Amino acid sequence: MRALAVTTAKQWEELPDIPTVGECRAGLRCQRLDGIGAPKGTPVEITIGSNRRSMPALLDLKLKARLPIWAKPQYPPPPPASVKLIAEETRKWGKLMRAANMQSE
């Protein structure tokens, strides 16, 4: 297997010879989004508290060292920004799927 590109906005230092998808195709940007979800309408204080309590685990160097490159946590933005990012990504990929006549399963 040979890596063609990474889907992050910038190159991975662990794979310095592998370009980003944006370098391969101008304007193309896709990313992995990690996070812990909560039902719509969950009070923001609860989601922020959950985020604050889960971050130490994601920052733990022992955990990061045990994960393969592709599984390393990507540290999502705090909850209010995550909600906006998820909505933007849903619109972007939904538009692409409709244009390609794709169906989700």
Protein backbone atom coordinates (compact mmCIF):
# COMPACT_ATOMS: atom_id res chain seq x y z
CA MET A 1 0.00 0.00 0.00
CA ARG A 2 1.26 3.51 -0.81
CA ALA A 3 -0.06 6.73 0.68
CA LEU A 4 -1.09 9.27 -1.96
CA ALA A 5 -2.07 12.19 0.27
CA VAL A 6 -3.06 13.13 3.79
CA THR A 7 -6.47 14.68 4.34
CA THR A 8 -5.36 17.27 6.87
CA ALA A 9 -4.83 20.95 6.05
CA LYS A 10 -1.08 20.66 6.59
CA GLN A 11 1.43 17.90 6.04
CA TRP A 12 2.11 15.37 8.77
CA GLU A 13 5.60 15.62 10.21
CA GLU A 14 5.56 11.81 10.48
CA LEU A 15 5.02 11.56 6.68
CA PRO A 16 7.05 14.47 5.27
CA ASP A 17 7.07 13.16 1.68
CA ILE A 18 3.29 12.77 1.43
CA PRO A 19 1.39 15.85 0.17
CA THR A 20 -1.96 17.09 1.43
CA VAL A 21 -5.06 16.63 -0.73
CA GLY A 22 -5.10 20.42 -1.14
CA GLU A 23 -1.62 20.26 -2.68
CA CYS A 24 -2.79 17.52 -5.06
CA ARG A 25 -5.99 19.29 -6.05
CA ALA A 26 -6.27 23.01 -5.36
CA GLY A 27 -9.13 23.89 -3.04
CA LEU A 28 -9.89 20.33 -1.95
CA ARG A 29 -10.03 20.03 1.80
CA CYS A 30 -11.28 17.19 3.91
CA GLN A 31 -10.53 16.31 7.45
CA ARG A 32 -11.19 13.81 10.13
CA LEU A 33 -13.29 15.07 12.99
CA ASP A 34 -12.91 13.43 16.38
CA GLY A 35 -15.21 14.16 19.23
CA ILE A 36 -17.71 13.01 21.78
CA GLY A 37 -21.30 13.69 20.81
CA ALA A 38 -24.31 14.67 22.84
CA PRO A 39 -27.97 14.89 21.86
CA LYS A 40 -29.16 18.10 20.25
CA GLY A 41 -30.37 20.50 22.92
CA THR A 42 -27.87 19.38 25.57
CA PRO A 43 -27.04 22.47 27.64
CA VAL A 44 -23.76 24.05 26.52
CA GLU A 45 -22.43 23.95 30.10
CA ILE A 46 -22.63 20.15 30.01
CA THR A 47 -20.90 19.83 26.63
CA ILE A 48 -18.14 22.24 27.63
CA GLY A 49 -17.65 20.35 30.92
CA SER A 50 -17.48 17.03 29.10
CA ASN A 51 -14.96 18.49 26.66
CA ARG A 52 -12.83 19.85 29.52
CA ARG A 53 -12.82 16.47 31.28
CA SER A 54 -11.99 14.43 28.15
CA MET A 55 -9.09 16.57 26.87
CA PRO A 56 -6.50 15.27 29.38
CA ALA A 57 -6.95 11.75 27.97
CA LEU A 58 -6.50 13.01 24.41
CA LEU A 59 -3.34 14.90 25.43
CA ASP A 60 -1.83 11.93 27.30
CA LEU A 61 1.58 11.20 25.75
CA LYS A 62 1.43 7.50 26.71
CA LEU A 63 -1.83 7.13 24.80
CA LYS A 64 -0.56 9.07 21.77
CA ALA A 65 2.61 6.95 21.63
CA ARG A 66 0.55 3.74 21.42
CA LEU A 67 -1.67 4.89 18.56
CA PRO A 68 -0.76 4.54 14.89
CA ILE A 69 -0.29 7.81 12.97
CA TRP A 70 -3.77 7.71 11.43
CA ALA A 71 -5.47 7.18 14.80
CA LYS A 72 -3.85 10.02 16.74
CA PRO A 73 -6.50 12.39 18.14
CA GLN A 74 -7.06 15.53 16.06
CA TYR A 75 -8.30 17.75 18.93
CA PRO A 76 -11.63 19.21 17.89
CA PRO A 77 -12.42 22.84 18.63
CA PRO A 78 -14.49 23.59 21.77
CA PRO A 79 -18.21 22.70 21.62
CA PRO A 80 -19.69 25.92 20.13
CA ALA A 81 -17.12 25.91 17.31
CA SER A 82 -17.55 22.14 16.83
CA VAL A 83 -21.29 22.59 16.25
CA LYS A 84 -20.54 25.17 13.53
CA LEU A 85 -17.85 22.98 11.95
CA ILE A 86 -20.12 19.91 11.87
CA ALA A 87 -22.92 21.94 10.23
CA GLU A 88 -20.51 23.30 7.59
CA GLU A 89 -19.06 19.86 6.85
CA THR A 90 -22.55 18.32 6.65
CA ARG A 91 -23.62 20.93 4.10
CA LYS A 92 -20.40 20.59 2.07
CA TRP A 93 -20.44 16.78 1.85
CA GLY A 94 -24.22 16.64 1.43
CA LYS A 95 -23.94 18.93 -1.60
CA LEU A 96 -21.18 16.75 -3.05
CA MET A 97 -23.20 13.59 -2.46
CA ARG A 98 -26.30 15.07 -4.14
CA ALA A 99 -24.22 16.25 -7.12
CA ALA A 100 -22.81 12.73 -7.50
CA ASN A 101 -26.24 11.16 -6.96
CA MET A 102 -24.91 9.24 -3.95
CA GLN A 103 -27.06 7.77 -1.19
CA SER A 104 -26.02 7.29 2.42
CA GLU A 105 -26.56 3.88 3.99
